[in-house]
Amino acid sequence: MEDKVLRKLFLGFIHIHVLHHAKEKPVFGSWMLEELREHGYNISSGTLYPIFHSMERDGLLIREDRKVEGKIRKYYSTTSKGNFILDEARVKAYELFKEIKN
């Protein structure tokens, strides 16, 4: 039960994390999985790719397919809507952090 609740909560954090990095530079799945692992999020590609796809459907990310070492790699970058949502999320996250930090 607790794992389900934490997973649901952390999915929002993962979305924000994706937006943050996709704004800095285009990201791709295996890189993003490693980045998330460095921050304690142990998710699979089966979890990450549906997140990418839903964020793309919601207009937060745009995908660019690039050929890398003979294979197609999908890179994701933020859209203007994604940048706006990230800015809003930062404000809300900061307010929440100030309230719960003690």
PDB file of N, CA and C in Angstrom:
ATOM      1  N   MET A   1       0.819  -1.200   0.000  1.00  0.00           N
ATOM      2  CA  MET A   1       0.000   0.000   0.000  1.00  0.00           C
ATOM      3  C   MET A   1       0.858   1.257   0.000  1.00  0.00           C
ATOM      4  N   GLU A   2       1.836   1.316   0.923  1.00  0.00           N
ATOM      5  CA  GLU A   2       2.688   2.504   1.000  1.00  0.00           C
ATOM      6  C   GLU A   2       3.464   2.711  -0.293  1.00  0.00           C
ATOM      7  N   ASP A   3       3.941   1.614  -0.890  1.00  0.00           N
ATOM      8  CA  ASP A   3       4.676   1.727  -2.145  1.00  0.00           C
ATOM      9  C   ASP A   3       3.820   2.353  -3.235  1.00  0.00           C
ATOM     10  N   LYS A   4       2.549   1.962  -3.295  1.00  0.00           N
ATOM     11  CA  LYS A   4       1.646   2.516  -4.299  1.00  0.00           C
ATOM     12  C   LYS A   4       1.454   4.013  -4.099  1.00  0.00           C
ATOM     13  N   VAL A   5       1.276   4.416  -2.862  1.00  0.00           N
ATOM     14  CA  VAL A   5       1.056   5.832  -2.542  1.00  0.00           C
ATOM     15  C   VAL A   5       2.306   6.636  -2.877  1.00  0.00           C
ATOM     16  N   LEU A   6       3.475   6.146  -2.466  1.00  0.00           N
ATOM     17  CA  LEU A   6       4.725   6.856  -2.766  1.00  0.00           C
ATOM     18  C   LEU A   6       4.967   6.925  -4.266  1.00  0.00           C
ATOM     19  N   ARG A   7       4.707   5.830  -4.960  1.00  0.00           N
ATOM     20  CA  ARG A   7       4.918   5.806  -6.417  1.00  0.00           C
ATOM     21  C   ARG A   7       4.043   6.862  -7.094  1.00  0.00           C
ATOM     22  N   LYS A   8       2.790   6.944  -6.668  1.00  0.00           N
ATOM     23  CA  LYS A   8       1.868   7.932  -7.233  1.00  0.00           C
ATOM     24  C   LYS A   8       2.377   9.348  -6.972  1.00  0.00           C
ATOM     25  N   LEU A   9       2.844   9.596  -5.761  1.00  0.00           N
ATOM     26  CA  LEU A   9       3.371  10.906  -5.404  1.00  0.00           C
ATOM     27  C   LEU A   9       4.619  11.234  -6.222  1.00  0.00           C
ATOM     28  N   PHE A  10       5.531  10.275  -6.312  1.00  0.00           N
ATOM     29  CA  PHE A  10       6.800  10.515  -6.995  1.00  0.00           C
ATOM     30  C   PHE A  10       6.645  10.664  -8.505  1.00  0.00           C
ATOM     31  N   LEU A  11       5.571  10.139  -9.081  1.00  0.00           N
ATOM     32  CA  LEU A  11       5.358  10.313 -10.522  1.00  0.00           C
ATOM     33  C   LEU A  11       5.265  11.787 -10.900  1.00  0.00           C
ATOM     34  N   GLY A  12       4.665  12.587 -10.038  1.00  0.00           N
ATOM     35  CA  GLY A  12       4.616  14.030 -10.291  1.00  0.00           C
ATOM     36  C   GLY A  12       6.004  14.644 -10.273  1.00  0.00           C
ATOM     37  N   PHE A  13       6.828  14.204  -9.320  1.00  0.00           N
ATOM     38  CA  PHE A  13       8.206  14.696  -9.255  1.00  0.00           C
ATOM     39  C   PHE A  13       8.979  14.301 -10.515  1.00  0.00           C
ATOM     40  N   ILE A  14       8.733  13.083 -10.993  1.00  0.00           N
ATOM     41  CA  ILE A  14       9.417  12.610 -12.193  1.00  0.00           C
ATOM     42  C   ILE A  14       9.038  13.468 -13.397  1.00  0.00           C
ATOM     43  N   HIS A  15       7.769  13.813 -13.508  1.00  0.00           N
ATOM     44  CA  HIS A  15       7.331  14.691 -14.610  1.00  0.00           C
ATOM     45  C   HIS A  15       8.085  16.026 -14.565  1.00  0.00           C
ATOM     46  N   ILE A  16       8.193  16.595 -13.388  1.00  0.00           N
ATOM     47  CA  ILE A  16       8.905  17.870 -13.242  1.00  0.00           C
ATOM     48  C   ILE A  16      10.374  17.690 -13.603  1.00  0.00           C
ATOM     49  N   HIS A  17      10.954  16.595 -13.161  1.00  0.00           N
ATOM     50  CA  HIS A  17      12.359  16.318 -13.460  1.00  0.00           C
ATOM     51  C   HIS A  17      12.575  16.209 -14.976  1.00  0.00           C
ATOM     52  N   VAL A  18      11.676  15.509 -15.652  1.00  0.00           N
ATOM     53  CA  VAL A  18      11.765  15.379 -17.117  1.00  0.00           C
ATOM     54  C   VAL A  18      11.691  16.759 -17.764  1.00  0.00           C
ATOM     55  N   LEU A  19      10.735  17.572 -17.348  1.00  0.00           N
ATOM     56  CA  LEU A  19      10.611  18.908 -17.928  1.00  0.00           C
ATOM     57  C   LEU A  19      11.876  19.737 -17.700  1.00  0.00           C
ATOM     58  N   HIS A  20      12.416  19.658 -16.504  1.00  0.00           N
ATOM     59  CA  HIS A  20      13.630  20.416 -16.184  1.00  0.00           C
ATOM     60  C   HIS A  20      14.763  20.070 -17.142  1.00  0.00           C
ATOM     61  N   HIS A  21      15.029  18.788 -17.303  1.00  0.00           N
ATOM     62  CA  HIS A  21      16.156  18.391 -18.159  1.00  0.00           C
ATOM     63  C   HIS A  21      15.862  18.580 -19.646  1.00  0.00           C
ATOM     64  N   ALA A  22      14.620  18.355 -20.043  1.00  0.00           N
ATOM     65  CA  ALA A  22      14.259  18.537 -21.452  1.00  0.00           C
ATOM     66  C   ALA A  22      14.295  20.005 -21.854  1.00  0.00           C
ATOM     67  N   LYS A  23      14.190  20.887 -20.882  1.00  0.00           N
ATOM     68  CA  LYS A  23      14.330  22.320 -21.172  1.00  0.00           C
ATOM     69  C   LYS A  23      15.800  22.672 -21.383  1.00  0.00           C
ATOM     70  N   GLU A  24      16.691  22.045 -20.605  1.00  0.00           N
ATOM     71  CA  GLU A  24      18.129  22.323 -20.724  1.00  0.00           C
ATOM     72  C   GLU A  24      18.704  21.831 -22.039  1.00  0.00           C
ATOM     73  N   LYS A  25      18.299  20.626 -22.436  1.00  0.00           N
ATOM     74  CA  LYS A  25      18.780  20.015 -23.683  1.00  0.00           C
ATOM     75  C   LYS A  25      17.872  18.838 -23.999  1.00  0.00           C
ATOM     76  N   PRO A  26      17.800  18.426 -25.266  1.00  0.00           N
ATOM     77  CA  PRO A  26      16.972  17.264 -25.594  1.00  0.00           C
ATOM     78  C   PRO A  26      17.437  16.021 -24.827  1.00  0.00           C
ATOM     79  N   VAL A  27      16.480  15.256 -24.304  1.00  0.00           N
ATOM     80  CA  VAL A  27      16.792  14.054 -23.531  1.00  0.00           C
ATOM     81  C   VAL A  27      16.246  12.820 -24.247  1.00  0.00           C
ATOM     82  N   PHE A  28      16.840  11.680 -23.951  1.00  0.00           N
ATOM     83  CA  PHE A  28      16.349  10.415 -24.493  1.00  0.00           C
ATOM     84  C   PHE A  28      16.234   9.416 -23.349  1.00  0.00           C
ATOM     85  N   GLY A  29      15.521   8.351 -23.592  1.00  0.00           N
ATOM     86  CA  GLY A  29      15.116   7.423 -22.558  1.00  0.00           C
ATOM     87  C   GLY A  29      16.202   6.893 -21.656  1.00  0.00           C
ATOM     88  N   SER A  30      17.241   6.262 -22.211  1.00  0.00           N
ATOM     89  CA  SER A  30      18.247   5.639 -21.346  1.00  0.00           C
ATOM     90  C   SER A  30      19.002   6.684 -20.529  1.00  0.00           C
ATOM     91  N   TRP A  31      19.241   7.852 -21.103  1.00  0.00           N
ATOM     92  CA  TRP A  31      19.902   8.919 -20.338  1.00  0.00           C
ATOM     93  C   TRP A  31      19.006   9.369 -19.182  1.00  0.00           C
ATOM     94  N   MET A  32      17.711   9.543 -19.481  1.00  0.00           N
ATOM     95  CA  MET A  32      16.788  10.016 -18.453  1.00  0.00           C
ATOM     96  C   MET A  32      16.631   8.984 -17.350  1.00  0.00           C
ATOM     97  N   LEU A  33      16.597   7.701 -17.694  1.00  0.00           N
ATOM     98  CA  LEU A  33      16.517   6.653 -16.672  1.00  0.00           C
ATOM     99  C   LEU A  33      17.711   6.721 -15.731  1.00  0.00           C
ATOM    100  N   GLU A  34      18.899   6.901 -16.296  1.00  0.00           N
ATOM    101  CA  GLU A  34      20.112   6.991 -15.474  1.00  0.00           C
ATOM    102  C   GLU A  34      20.078   8.236 -14.589  1.00  0.00           C
ATOM    103  N   GLU A  35      19.652   9.342 -15.149  1.00  0.00           N
ATOM    104  CA  GLU A  35      19.550  10.589 -14.376  1.00  0.00           C
ATOM    105  C   GLU A  35      18.583  10.413 -13.209  1.00  0.00           C
ATOM    106  N   LEU A  36      17.451   9.803 -13.465  1.00  0.00           N
ATOM    107  CA  LEU A  36      16.467   9.586 -12.408  1.00  0.00           C
ATOM    108  C   LEU A  36      17.010   8.629 -11.344  1.00  0.00           C
ATOM    109  N   ARG A  37      17.741   7.610 -11.759  1.00  0.00           N
ATOM    110  CA  ARG A  37      18.335   6.670 -10.797  1.00  0.00           C
ATOM    111  C   ARG A  37      19.312   7.382  -9.867  1.00  0.00           C
ATOM    112  N   GLU A  38      20.058   8.335 -10.401  1.00  0.00           N
ATOM    113  CA  GLU A  38      20.996   9.094  -9.578  1.00  0.00           C
ATOM    114  C   GLU A  38      20.279   9.873  -8.474  1.00  0.00           C
ATOM    115  N   HIS A  39      19.000  10.109  -8.665  1.00  0.00           N
ATOM    116  CA  HIS A  39      18.204  10.842  -7.674  1.00  0.00           C
ATOM    117  C   HIS A  39      17.271   9.917  -6.890  1.00  0.00           C
ATOM    118  N   GLY A  40      17.494   8.615  -7.015  1.00  0.00           N
ATOM    119  CA  GLY A  40      16.735   7.657  -6.216  1.00  0.00           C
ATOM    120  C   GLY A  40      15.432   7.174  -6.811  1.00  0.00           C
ATOM    121  N   TYR A  41      15.144   7.518  -8.055  1.00  0.00           N
ATOM    122  CA  TYR A  41      13.934   7.043  -8.717  1.00  0.00           C
ATOM    123  C   TYR A  41      14.292   5.809  -9.539  1.00  0.00           C
ATOM    124  N   ASN A  42      13.885   4.651  -9.079  1.00  0.00           N
ATOM    125  CA  ASN A  42      14.187   3.409  -9.786  1.00  0.00           C
ATOM    126  C   ASN A  42      12.973   2.977 -10.592  1.00  0.00           C
ATOM    127  N   ILE A  43      12.872   3.547 -11.787  1.00  0.00           N
ATOM    128  CA  ILE A  43      11.748   3.204 -12.658  1.00  0.00           C
ATOM    129  C   ILE A  43      12.298   2.497 -13.888  1.00  0.00           C
ATOM    130  N   SER A  44      11.423   1.811 -14.572  1.00  0.00           N
ATOM    131  CA  SER A  44      11.812   1.077 -15.774  1.00  0.00           C
ATOM    132  C   SER A  44      11.464   1.896 -17.014  1.00  0.00           C
ATOM    133  N   SER A  45      11.973   1.443 -18.142  1.00  0.00           N
ATOM    134  CA  SER A  45      11.613   2.099 -19.405  1.00  0.00           C
ATOM    135  C   SER A  45      10.118   1.932 -19.668  1.00  0.00           C
ATOM    136  N   GLY A  46       9.529   0.856 -19.146  1.00  0.00           N
ATOM    137  CA  GLY A  46       8.093   0.634 -19.284  1.00  0.00           C
ATOM    138  C   GLY A  46       7.257   1.644 -18.525  1.00  0.00           C
ATOM    139  N   THR A  47       7.874   2.335 -17.596  1.00  0.00           N
ATOM    140  CA  THR A  47       7.214   3.436 -16.881  1.00  0.00           C
ATOM    141  C   THR A  47       7.558   4.770 -17.528  1.00  0.00           C
ATOM    142  N   LEU A  48       8.828   4.949 -17.899  1.00  0.00           N
ATOM    143  CA  LEU A  48       9.279   6.233 -18.437  1.00  0.00           C
ATOM    144  C   LEU A  48       8.668   6.557 -19.794  1.00  0.00           C
ATOM    145  N   TYR A  49       8.656   5.598 -20.712  1.00  0.00           N
ATOM    146  CA  TYR A  49       8.177   5.925 -22.058  1.00  0.00           C
ATOM    147  C   TYR A  49       6.702   6.326 -22.085  1.00  0.00           C
ATOM    148  N   PRO A  50       5.833   5.685 -21.313  1.00  0.00           N
ATOM    149  CA  PRO A  50       4.456   6.206 -21.258  1.00  0.00           C
ATOM    150  C   PRO A  50       4.384   7.626 -20.690  1.00  0.00           C
ATOM    151  N   ILE A  51       5.301   7.971 -19.791  1.00  0.00           N
ATOM    152  CA  ILE A  51       5.360   9.348 -19.278  1.00  0.00           C
ATOM    153  C   ILE A  51       5.734  10.294 -20.413  1.00  0.00           C
ATOM    154  N   PHE A  52       6.786   9.953 -21.173  1.00  0.00           N
ATOM    155  CA  PHE A  52       7.170  10.764 -22.334  1.00  0.00           C
ATOM    156  C   PHE A  52       5.979  10.926 -23.278  1.00  0.00           C
ATOM    157  N   HIS A  53       5.304   9.819 -23.592  1.00  0.00           N
ATOM    158  CA  HIS A  53       4.204   9.858 -24.559  1.00  0.00           C
ATOM    159  C   HIS A  53       3.037  10.703 -24.056  1.00  0.00           C
ATOM    160  N   SER A  54       2.709  10.585 -22.772  1.00  0.00           N
ATOM    161  CA  SER A  54       1.596  11.387 -22.258  1.00  0.00           C
ATOM    162  C   SER A  54       1.966  12.866 -22.215  1.00  0.00           C
ATOM    163  N   MET A  55       3.218  13.172 -21.892  1.00  0.00           N
ATOM    164  CA  MET A  55       3.656  14.567 -21.874  1.00  0.00           C
ATOM    165  C   MET A  55       3.678  15.137 -23.291  1.00  0.00           C
ATOM    166  N   GLU A  56       4.003  14.290 -24.260  1.00  0.00           N
ATOM    167  CA  GLU A  56       3.967  14.726 -25.655  1.00  0.00           C
ATOM    168  C   GLU A  56       2.512  14.980 -26.085  1.00  0.00           C
ATOM    169  N   ARG A  57       1.612  14.068 -25.740  1.00  0.00           N
ATOM    170  CA  ARG A  57       0.184  14.251 -26.062  1.00  0.00           C
ATOM    171  C   ARG A  57      -0.389  15.506 -25.416  1.00  0.00           C
ATOM    172  N   ASP A  58       0.088  15.815 -24.204  1.00  0.00           N
ATOM    173  CA  ASP A  58      -0.389  16.998 -23.488  1.00  0.00           C
ATOM    174  C   ASP A  58       0.249  18.295 -23.992  1.00  0.00           C
ATOM    175  N   GLY A  59       1.152  18.189 -24.949  1.00  0.00           N
ATOM    176  CA  GLY A  59       1.775  19.375 -25.524  1.00  0.00           C
ATOM    177  C   GLY A  59       2.921  19.938 -24.710  1.00  0.00           C
ATOM    178  N   LEU A  60       3.459  19.139 -23.765  1.00  0.00           N
ATOM    179  CA  LEU A  60       4.561  19.609 -22.927  1.00  0.00           C
ATOM    180  C   LEU A  60       5.919  19.304 -23.534  1.00  0.00           C
ATOM    181  N   LEU A  61       5.992  18.228 -24.300  1.00  0.00           N
ATOM    182  CA  LEU A  61       7.235  17.812 -24.944  1.00  0.00           C
ATOM    183  C   LEU A  61       7.009  17.662 -26.436  1.00  0.00           C
ATOM    184  N   ILE A  62       8.088  17.823 -27.171  1.00  0.00           N
ATOM    185  CA  ILE A  62       8.088  17.547 -28.605  1.00  0.00           C
ATOM    186  C   ILE A  62       9.198  16.538 -28.859  1.00  0.00           C
ATOM    187  N   ARG A  63       8.933  15.585 -29.734  1.00  0.00           N
ATOM    188  CA  ARG A  63       9.884  14.514 -30.016  1.00  0.00           C
ATOM    189  C   ARG A  63      10.582  14.738 -31.347  1.00  0.00           C
ATOM    190  N   GLU A  64      11.861  14.434 -31.360  1.00  0.00           N
ATOM    191  CA  GLU A  64      12.645  14.463 -32.596  1.00  0.00           C
ATOM    192  C   GLU A  64      13.362  13.124 -32.710  1.00  0.00           C
ATOM    193  N   ASP A  65      13.138  12.425 -33.814  1.00  0.00           N
ATOM    194  CA  ASP A  65      13.818  11.156 -34.053  1.00  0.00           C
ATOM    195  C   ASP A  65      15.151  11.423 -34.742  1.00  0.00           C
ATOM    196  N   ARG A  66      16.225  10.851 -34.174  1.00  0.00           N
ATOM    197  CA  ARG A  66      17.566  10.996 -34.751  1.00  0.00           C
ATOM    198  C   ARG A  66      18.181   9.621 -34.932  1.00  0.00           C
ATOM    199  N   LYS A  67      18.924   9.471 -36.009  1.00  0.00           N
ATOM    200  CA  LYS A  67      19.631   8.213 -36.243  1.00  0.00           C
ATOM    201  C   LYS A  67      20.961   8.268 -35.483  1.00  0.00           C
ATOM    202  N   VAL A  68      21.160   7.324 -34.568  1.00  0.00           N
ATOM    203  CA  VAL A  68      22.370   7.253 -33.751  1.00  0.00           C
ATOM    204  C   VAL A  68      22.889   5.822 -33.827  1.00  0.00           C
ATOM    205  N   GLU A  69      24.090   5.666 -34.359  1.00  0.00           N
ATOM    206  CA  GLU A  69      24.717   4.349 -34.494  1.00  0.00           C
ATOM    207  C   GLU A  69      23.791   3.352 -35.185  1.00  0.00           C
ATOM    208  N   GLY A  70      23.152   3.814 -36.248  1.00  0.00           N
ATOM    209  CA  GLY A  70      22.297   2.959 -37.049  1.00  0.00           C
ATOM    210  C   GLY A  70      20.907   2.711 -36.498  1.00  0.00           C
ATOM    211  N   LYS A  71      20.591   3.294 -35.354  1.00  0.00           N
ATOM    212  CA  LYS A  71      19.269   3.108 -34.749  1.00  0.00           C
ATOM    213  C   LYS A  71      18.598   4.459 -34.568  1.00  0.00           C
ATOM    214  N   ILE A  72      17.281   4.438 -34.526  1.00  0.00           N
ATOM    215  CA  ILE A  72      16.522   5.668 -34.285  1.00  0.00           C
ATOM    216  C   ILE A  72      16.406   5.884 -32.783  1.00  0.00           C
ATOM    217  N   ARG A  73      16.838   7.054 -32.344  1.00  0.00           N
ATOM    218  CA  ARG A  73      16.720   7.437 -30.932  1.00  0.00           C
ATOM    219  C   ARG A  73      15.748   8.609 -30.861  1.00  0.00           C
ATOM    220  N   LYS A  74      14.832   8.532 -29.918  1.00  0.00           N
ATOM    221  CA  LYS A  74      13.826   9.582 -29.733  1.00  0.00           C
ATOM    222  C   LYS A  74      14.317  10.573 -28.687  1.00  0.00           C
ATOM    223  N   TYR A  75      14.443  11.828 -29.096  1.00  0.00           N
ATOM    224  CA  TYR A  75      14.848  12.905 -28.197  1.00  0.00           C
ATOM    225  C   TYR A  75      13.630  13.767 -27.889  1.00  0.00           C
ATOM    226  N   TYR A  76      13.532  14.192 -26.638  1.00  0.00           N
ATOM    227  CA  TYR A  76      12.408  15.008 -26.199  1.00  0.00           C
ATOM    228  C   TYR A  76      12.906  16.350 -25.675  1.00  0.00           C
ATOM    229  N   SER A  77      12.227  17.411 -26.100  1.00  0.00           N
ATOM    230  CA  SER A  77      12.501  18.779 -25.657  1.00  0.00           C
ATOM    231  C   SER A  77      11.187  19.399 -25.202  1.00  0.00           C
ATOM    232  N   THR A  78      11.287  20.415 -24.360  1.00  0.00           N
ATOM    233  CA  THR A  78      10.066  21.077 -23.913  1.00  0.00           C
ATOM    234  C   THR A  78       9.518  21.996 -25.001  1.00  0.00           C
ATOM    235  N   THR A  79       8.222  22.154 -24.962  1.00  0.00           N
ATOM    236  CA  THR A  79       7.535  23.128 -25.802  1.00  0.00           C
ATOM    237  C   THR A  79       7.367  24.401 -24.966  1.00  0.00           C
ATOM    238  N   SER A  80       6.798  25.436 -25.549  1.00  0.00           N
ATOM    239  CA  SER A  80       6.542  26.648 -24.764  1.00  0.00           C
ATOM    240  C   SER A  80       5.552  26.340 -23.637  1.00  0.00           C
ATOM    241  N   LYS A  81       4.576  25.477 -23.891  1.00  0.00           N
ATOM    242  CA  LYS A  81       3.638  25.071 -22.844  1.00  0.00           C
ATOM    243  C   LYS A  81       4.381  24.312 -21.737  1.00  0.00           C
ATOM    244  N   GLY A  82       5.304  23.433 -22.134  1.00  0.00           N
ATOM    245  CA  GLY A  82       6.099  22.690 -21.159  1.00  0.00           C
ATOM    246  C   GLY A  82       6.935  23.621 -20.300  1.00  0.00           C
ATOM    247  N   ASN A  83       7.508  24.651 -20.918  1.00  0.00           N
ATOM    248  CA  ASN A  83       8.300  25.630 -20.163  1.00  0.00           C
ATOM    249  C   ASN A  83       7.432  26.393 -19.175  1.00  0.00           C
ATOM    250  N   PHE A  84       6.230  26.756 -19.605  1.00  0.00           N
ATOM    251  CA  PHE A  84       5.295  27.462 -18.722  1.00  0.00           C
ATOM    252  C   PHE A  84       4.914  26.582 -17.532  1.00  0.00           C
ATOM    253  N   ILE A  85       4.578  25.324 -17.810  1.00  0.00           N
ATOM    254  CA  ILE A  85       4.193  24.390 -16.743  1.00  0.00           C
ATOM    255  C   ILE A  85       5.364  24.185 -15.785  1.00  0.00           C
ATOM    256  N   LEU A  86       6.577  24.076 -16.310  1.00  0.00           N
ATOM    257  CA  LEU A  86       7.759  23.920 -15.454  1.00  0.00           C
ATOM    258  C   LEU A  86       7.924  25.131 -14.543  1.00  0.00           C
ATOM    259  N   ASP A  87       7.770  26.316 -15.096  1.00  0.00           N
ATOM    260  CA  ASP A  87       7.884  27.528 -14.277  1.00  0.00           C
ATOM    261  C   ASP A  87       6.836  27.534 -13.163  1.00  0.00           C
ATOM    262  N   GLU A  88       5.616  27.159 -13.481  1.00  0.00           N
ATOM    263  CA  GLU A  88       4.550  27.091 -12.479  1.00  0.00           C
ATOM    264  C   GLU A  88       4.869  26.033 -11.424  1.00  0.00           C
ATOM    265  N   ALA A  89       5.360  24.886 -11.865  1.00  0.00           N
ATOM    266  CA  ALA A  89       5.696  23.803 -10.933  1.00  0.00           C
ATOM    267  C   ALA A  89       6.819  24.222  -9.993  1.00  0.00           C
ATOM    268  N   ARG A  90       7.794  24.968 -10.511  1.00  0.00           N
ATOM    269  CA  ARG A  90       8.893  25.449  -9.658  1.00  0.00           C
ATOM    270  C   ARG A  90       8.369  26.345  -8.540  1.00  0.00           C
ATOM    271  N   VAL A  91       7.445  27.234  -8.877  1.00  0.00           N
ATOM    272  CA  VAL A  91       6.867  28.134  -7.873  1.00  0.00           C
ATOM    273  C   VAL A  91       6.140  27.314  -6.812  1.00  0.00           C
ATOM    274  N   LYS A  92       5.317  26.379  -7.247  1.00  0.00           N
ATOM    275  CA  LYS A  92       4.555  25.557  -6.307  1.00  0.00           C
ATOM    276  C   LYS A  92       5.481  24.679  -5.467  1.00  0.00           C
ATOM    277  N   ALA A  93       6.503  24.096  -6.089  1.00  0.00           N
ATOM    278  CA  ALA A  93       7.442  23.232  -5.366  1.00  0.00           C
ATOM    279  C   ALA A  93       8.209  24.039  -4.325  1.00  0.00           C
ATOM    280  N   TYR A  94       8.595  25.250  -4.674  1.00  0.00           N
ATOM    281  CA  TYR A  94       9.320  26.104  -3.733  1.00  0.00           C
ATOM    282  C   TYR A  94       8.445  26.443  -2.524  1.00  0.00           C
ATOM    283  N   GLU A  95       7.209  26.806  -2.795  1.00  0.00           N
ATOM    284  CA  GLU A  95       6.273  27.119  -1.710  1.00  0.00           C
ATOM    285  C   GLU A  95       6.072  25.906  -0.807  1.00  0.00           C
ATOM    286  N   LEU A  96       5.905  24.748  -1.409  1.00  0.00           N
ATOM    287  CA  LEU A  96       5.721  23.523  -0.629  1.00  0.00           C
ATOM    288  C   LEU A  96       6.961  23.211   0.189  1.00  0.00           C
ATOM    289  N   PHE A  97       8.129  23.333  -0.412  1.00  0.00           N
ATOM    290  CA  PHE A  97       9.389  23.058   0.292  1.00  0.00           C
ATOM    291  C   PHE A  97       9.529  23.974   1.519  1.00  0.00           C
ATOM    292  N   LYS A  98       9.237  25.258   1.340  1.00  0.00           N
ATOM    293  CA  LYS A  98       9.320  26.190   2.468  1.00  0.00           C
ATOM    294  C   LYS A  98       8.399  25.766   3.605  1.00  0.00           C
ATOM    295  N   GLU A  99       7.248  25.255   3.250  1.00  0.00           N
ATOM    296  CA  GLU A  99       6.284  24.868   4.272  1.00  0.00           C
ATOM    297  C   GLU A  99       6.648  23.574   4.990  1.00  0.00           C
ATOM    298  N   ILE A 100       7.201  22.605   4.282  1.00  0.00           N
ATOM    299  CA  ILE A 100       7.426  21.285   4.890  1.00  0.00           C
ATOM    300  C   ILE A 100       8.875  21.024   5.306  1.00  0.00           C
ATOM    301  N   LYS A 101       9.788  21.943   5.084  1.00  0.00           N
ATOM    302  CA  LYS A 101      11.212  21.668   5.310  1.00  0.00           C
ATOM    303  C   LYS A 101      11.558  21.393   6.766  1.00  0.00           C
ATOM    304  N   ASN A 102      10.789  21.818   7.690  1.00  0.00           N
ATOM    305  CA  ASN A 102      11.105  21.600   9.114  1.00  0.00           C
ATOM    306  C   ASN A 102      10.372  20.432   9.688  1.00  0.00           C
TER     307      ASN A 102
END
